[in-house]
Amino acid sequence: MAKVQSSAVTQWRKRRQRQGFVRVELQVRKEDVALVRDVAKALVDPNRETEARSVLREKIALSRFGGFKALLASAPLEGVEFERVRDFGRDTEV
């Protein structure tokens, strides 16, 4: 049997995979397409990738360490009232 030659696209994808890239498919609203493409371009641009990752992690990504408790601990909670009136329920007649 003859070997089937890989298509150029398949070869390109395999080459990119060896370089550490992963193919991602997204579905976004029409008005966000340009924004998502710009973000992707910034992440692969050697001159902008470090700053882009830093900004995205700071502004968008949730903390991966500690979960919800860590998020609450890091939140600016000055002036937020945490005291509440104790409610012992209602009186019942027996």
N, C-alpha and C. Protein backbone atom coordinates (compact mmCIF):
# COMPACT_ATOMS: atom_id res chain seq x y z
N MET A 1 0.83 -1.18 0.00
CA MET A 1 0.00 0.00 0.00
C MET A 1 0.87 1.25 0.00
N ALA A 2 0.39 2.24 -0.67
CA ALA A 2 1.13 3.50 -0.74
C ALA A 2 0.82 4.34 0.49
N LYS A 3 1.81 5.09 0.94
CA LYS A 3 1.61 5.99 2.06
C LYS A 3 0.79 7.19 1.59
N VAL A 4 -0.13 7.62 2.43
CA VAL A 4 -0.92 8.81 2.10
C VAL A 4 -0.15 10.01 2.60
N GLN A 5 0.07 10.96 1.72
CA GLN A 5 0.82 12.15 2.09
C GLN A 5 -0.06 13.08 2.91
N SER A 6 0.47 13.62 4.00
CA SER A 6 -0.27 14.55 4.84
C SER A 6 -0.47 15.86 4.10
N SER A 7 -1.58 16.50 4.38
CA SER A 7 -1.83 17.78 3.75
C SER A 7 -0.91 18.84 4.36
N ALA A 8 -0.77 19.93 3.68
CA ALA A 8 0.08 21.02 4.17
C ALA A 8 -0.44 21.56 5.50
N VAL A 9 -1.74 21.62 5.64
CA VAL A 9 -2.33 22.12 6.89
C VAL A 9 -1.99 21.18 8.04
N THR A 10 -2.10 19.88 7.81
CA THR A 10 -1.78 18.90 8.84
C THR A 10 -0.31 18.99 9.24
N GLN A 11 0.55 19.13 8.28
CA GLN A 11 1.98 19.27 8.57
C GLN A 11 2.25 20.53 9.38
N TRP A 12 1.61 21.62 8.99
CA TRP A 12 1.80 22.89 9.70
C TRP A 12 1.32 22.77 11.14
N ARG A 13 0.16 22.14 11.34
CA ARG A 13 -0.38 21.97 12.70
C ARG A 13 0.53 21.10 13.55
N LYS A 14 1.10 20.05 12.98
CA LYS A 14 2.02 19.20 13.72
C LYS A 14 3.29 19.96 14.10
N ARG A 15 3.77 20.77 13.17
CA ARG A 15 4.97 21.58 13.44
C ARG A 15 4.69 22.56 14.58
N ARG A 16 3.54 23.20 14.55
CA ARG A 16 3.17 24.15 15.61
C ARG A 16 3.02 23.42 16.95
N GLN A 17 2.49 22.22 16.93
CA GLN A 17 2.33 21.44 18.15
C GLN A 17 3.69 21.13 18.77
N ARG A 18 4.66 20.78 17.95
CA ARG A 18 6.01 20.52 18.45
C ARG A 18 6.63 21.78 19.05
N GLN A 19 6.21 22.93 18.57
CA GLN A 19 6.71 24.21 19.09
C GLN A 19 5.99 24.64 20.37
N GLY A 20 5.01 23.85 20.81
CA GLY A 20 4.32 24.14 22.06
C GLY A 20 2.99 24.86 21.90
N PHE A 21 2.50 24.97 20.68
CA PHE A 21 1.23 25.64 20.45
C PHE A 21 0.09 24.63 20.48
N VAL A 22 -1.08 25.10 20.89
CA VAL A 22 -2.27 24.28 20.94
C VAL A 22 -3.36 25.00 20.16
N ARG A 23 -4.09 24.24 19.37
CA ARG A 23 -5.19 24.81 18.59
C ARG A 23 -6.40 24.98 19.50
N VAL A 24 -7.01 26.16 19.48
CA VAL A 24 -8.16 26.46 20.32
C VAL A 24 -9.28 27.00 19.43
N GLU A 25 -10.46 26.49 19.64
CA GLU A 25 -11.62 27.00 18.91
C GLU A 25 -12.51 27.73 19.90
N LEU A 26 -12.90 28.93 19.53
CA LEU A 26 -13.76 29.75 20.39
C LEU A 26 -14.97 30.20 19.63
N GLN A 27 -16.04 30.44 20.36
CA GLN A 27 -17.21 31.07 19.77
C GLN A 27 -17.47 32.33 20.57
N VAL A 28 -17.40 33.46 19.88
CA VAL A 28 -17.61 34.76 20.52
C VAL A 28 -18.61 35.56 19.71
N ARG A 29 -19.11 36.59 20.32
CA ARG A 29 -20.02 37.48 19.60
C ARG A 29 -19.28 38.20 18.50
N LYS A 30 -20.02 38.58 17.49
CA LYS A 30 -19.44 39.21 16.31
C LYS A 30 -18.61 40.45 16.67
N GLU A 31 -19.10 41.23 17.62
CA GLU A 31 -18.39 42.46 17.99
C GLU A 31 -17.10 42.20 18.76
N ASP A 32 -16.90 40.97 19.25
CA ASP A 32 -15.70 40.64 20.02
C ASP A 32 -14.62 39.94 19.21
N VAL A 33 -14.89 39.63 17.96
CA VAL A 33 -13.95 38.87 17.13
C VAL A 33 -12.60 39.59 17.03
N ALA A 34 -12.61 40.86 16.70
CA ALA A 34 -11.36 41.61 16.55
C ALA A 34 -10.60 41.66 17.87
N LEU A 35 -11.31 41.83 18.97
CA LEU A 35 -10.67 41.89 20.29
C LEU A 35 -9.98 40.58 20.62
N VAL A 36 -10.66 39.46 20.39
CA VAL A 36 -10.08 38.14 20.70
C VAL A 36 -8.86 37.89 19.81
N ARG A 37 -8.94 38.27 18.55
CA ARG A 37 -7.79 38.10 17.65
C ARG A 37 -6.62 38.96 18.10
N ASP A 38 -6.89 40.19 18.54
CA ASP A 38 -5.82 41.06 19.03
C ASP A 38 -5.16 40.48 20.28
N VAL A 39 -5.95 39.91 21.17
CA VAL A 39 -5.40 39.28 22.38
C VAL A 39 -4.51 38.11 21.99
N ALA A 40 -4.98 37.28 21.06
CA ALA A 40 -4.18 36.14 20.61
C ALA A 40 -2.87 36.59 19.97
N LYS A 41 -2.93 37.64 19.16
CA LYS A 41 -1.71 38.16 18.52
C LYS A 41 -0.73 38.69 19.56
N ALA A 42 -1.26 39.36 20.59
CA ALA A 42 -0.39 39.90 21.63
C ALA A 42 0.29 38.78 22.41
N LEU A 43 -0.40 37.66 22.60
CA LEU A 43 0.17 36.56 23.37
C LEU A 43 1.27 35.81 22.62
N VAL A 44 1.29 35.88 21.31
CA VAL A 44 2.34 35.20 20.56
C VAL A 44 3.43 36.15 20.09
N ASP A 45 3.25 37.44 20.28
CA ASP A 45 4.25 38.44 19.88
C ASP A 45 5.33 38.49 20.97
N PRO A 46 6.58 38.16 20.64
CA PRO A 46 7.65 38.15 21.64
C PRO A 46 7.84 39.49 22.34
N ASN A 47 7.52 40.58 21.68
CA ASN A 47 7.69 41.90 22.28
C ASN A 47 6.57 42.27 23.25
N ARG A 48 5.42 41.63 23.11
CA ARG A 48 4.27 42.01 23.94
C ARG A 48 3.74 40.89 24.83
N GLU A 49 4.25 39.67 24.68
CA GLU A 49 3.64 38.53 25.38
C GLU A 49 3.70 38.64 26.90
N THR A 50 4.80 39.08 27.45
CA THR A 50 4.93 39.15 28.91
C THR A 50 3.94 40.16 29.49
N GLU A 51 3.89 41.34 28.89
CA GLU A 51 2.97 42.37 29.38
C GLU A 51 1.52 41.94 29.18
N ALA A 52 1.21 41.32 28.04
CA ALA A 52 -0.16 40.88 27.77
C ALA A 52 -0.60 39.85 28.80
N ARG A 53 0.25 38.87 29.09
CA ARG A 53 -0.10 37.85 30.09
C ARG A 53 -0.31 38.48 31.46
N SER A 54 0.56 39.40 31.80
CA SER A 54 0.47 40.06 33.10
C SER A 54 -0.85 40.81 33.25
N VAL A 55 -1.20 41.59 32.24
CA VAL A 55 -2.44 42.37 32.28
C VAL A 55 -3.65 41.44 32.32
N LEU A 56 -3.65 40.40 31.50
CA LEU A 56 -4.78 39.48 31.48
C LEU A 56 -4.94 38.75 32.81
N ARG A 57 -3.84 38.32 33.39
CA ARG A 57 -3.93 37.63 34.69
C ARG A 57 -4.43 38.57 35.77
N GLU A 58 -3.96 39.80 35.74
CA GLU A 58 -4.33 40.77 36.77
C GLU A 58 -5.79 41.19 36.64
N LYS A 59 -6.24 41.43 35.43
CA LYS A 59 -7.58 41.99 35.23
C LYS A 59 -8.67 40.95 35.01
N ILE A 60 -8.32 39.79 34.47
CA ILE A 60 -9.36 38.87 34.03
C ILE A 60 -9.33 37.53 34.75
N ALA A 61 -8.18 36.90 34.80
CA ALA A 61 -8.09 35.54 35.32
C ALA A 61 -8.37 35.49 36.81
N LEU A 62 -9.14 34.49 37.21
CA LEU A 62 -9.40 34.28 38.63
C LEU A 62 -8.17 33.67 39.28
N SER A 63 -8.02 33.95 40.55
CA SER A 63 -6.90 33.38 41.28
C SER A 63 -7.01 31.87 41.31
N ARG A 64 -5.94 31.18 41.00
CA ARG A 64 -5.94 29.72 41.01
C ARG A 64 -5.46 29.17 42.35
N PHE A 65 -5.11 30.06 43.25
CA PHE A 65 -4.57 29.63 44.52
C PHE A 65 -5.54 30.00 45.63
N GLY A 66 -6.10 29.00 46.28
CA GLY A 66 -6.94 29.25 47.44
C GLY A 66 -8.42 29.34 47.14
N GLY A 67 -8.81 29.50 45.92
CA GLY A 67 -10.22 29.52 45.56
C GLY A 67 -10.96 30.72 46.09
N PHE A 68 -12.20 30.48 46.47
CA PHE A 68 -13.11 31.55 46.87
C PHE A 68 -12.65 32.25 48.15
N LYS A 69 -12.12 31.50 49.10
CA LYS A 69 -11.66 32.12 50.35
C LYS A 69 -10.52 33.10 50.10
N ALA A 70 -9.60 32.73 49.23
CA ALA A 70 -8.49 33.63 48.91
C ALA A 70 -8.99 34.87 48.18
N LEU A 71 -9.99 34.69 47.32
CA LEU A 71 -10.57 35.83 46.62
C LEU A 71 -11.21 36.80 47.61
N LEU A 72 -11.95 36.28 48.56
CA LEU A 72 -12.56 37.14 49.58
C LEU A 72 -11.50 37.82 50.44
N ALA A 73 -10.46 37.09 50.79
CA ALA A 73 -9.40 37.66 51.62
C ALA A 73 -8.67 38.80 50.92
N SER A 74 -8.59 38.73 49.61
CA SER A 74 -7.87 39.77 48.88
C SER A 74 -8.77 40.93 48.46
N ALA A 75 -10.08 40.82 48.69
CA ALA A 75 -11.01 41.86 48.26
C ALA A 75 -10.94 43.08 49.18
N PRO A 76 -11.07 44.28 48.62
CA PRO A 76 -11.09 45.50 49.45
C PRO A 76 -12.45 45.62 50.12
N LEU A 77 -12.51 45.31 51.41
CA LEU A 77 -13.79 45.27 52.11
C LEU A 77 -13.95 46.38 53.14
N GLU A 78 -13.18 47.46 53.03
CA GLU A 78 -13.33 48.56 53.97
C GLU A 78 -14.72 49.16 53.82
N GLY A 79 -15.38 49.40 54.94
CA GLY A 79 -16.69 50.02 54.92
C GLY A 79 -17.85 49.08 54.68
N VAL A 80 -17.57 47.80 54.52
CA VAL A 80 -18.64 46.83 54.31
C VAL A 80 -19.09 46.33 55.67
N GLU A 81 -20.38 46.37 55.92
CA GLU A 81 -20.94 45.97 57.21
C GLU A 81 -21.15 44.46 57.24
N PHE A 82 -20.52 43.79 58.21
CA PHE A 82 -20.65 42.35 58.32
C PHE A 82 -21.52 41.91 59.50
N GLU A 83 -21.89 42.83 60.33
CA GLU A 83 -22.74 42.51 61.47
C GLU A 83 -24.17 42.28 60.98
N ARG A 84 -24.85 41.36 61.60
CA ARG A 84 -26.25 41.16 61.26
C ARG A 84 -27.03 40.87 62.52
N VAL A 85 -28.29 41.20 62.48
CA VAL A 85 -29.17 40.97 63.62
C VAL A 85 -29.48 39.48 63.67
N ARG A 86 -29.33 38.92 64.86
CA ARG A 86 -29.61 37.49 65.03
C ARG A 86 -31.10 37.25 64.98
N ASP A 87 -31.54 36.35 64.15
CA ASP A 87 -32.96 36.03 64.02
C ASP A 87 -33.16 34.64 64.61
N PHE A 88 -33.93 34.58 65.69
CA PHE A 88 -34.17 33.31 66.36
C PHE A 88 -35.47 32.65 65.88
N GLY A 89 -35.99 33.12 64.80
CA GLY A 89 -37.21 32.53 64.25
C GLY A 89 -38.45 33.15 64.87
N ARG A 90 -39.54 32.49 64.71
CA ARG A 90 -40.80 33.03 65.24
C ARG A 90 -41.26 32.19 66.41
N ASP A 91 -42.08 32.81 67.22
CA ASP A 91 -42.66 32.09 68.36
C ASP A 91 -43.68 31.09 67.86
N THR A 92 -43.64 29.93 68.43
CA THR A 92 -44.63 28.92 68.06
C THR A 92 -45.50 28.62 69.25
N GLU A 93 -46.76 28.37 68.98
CA GLU A 93 -47.68 28.03 70.05
C GLU A 93 -47.90 26.52 70.02
N VAL A 94 -47.82 25.93 71.19
CA VAL A 94 -48.00 24.48 71.26
C VAL A 94 -49.30 24.14 71.91
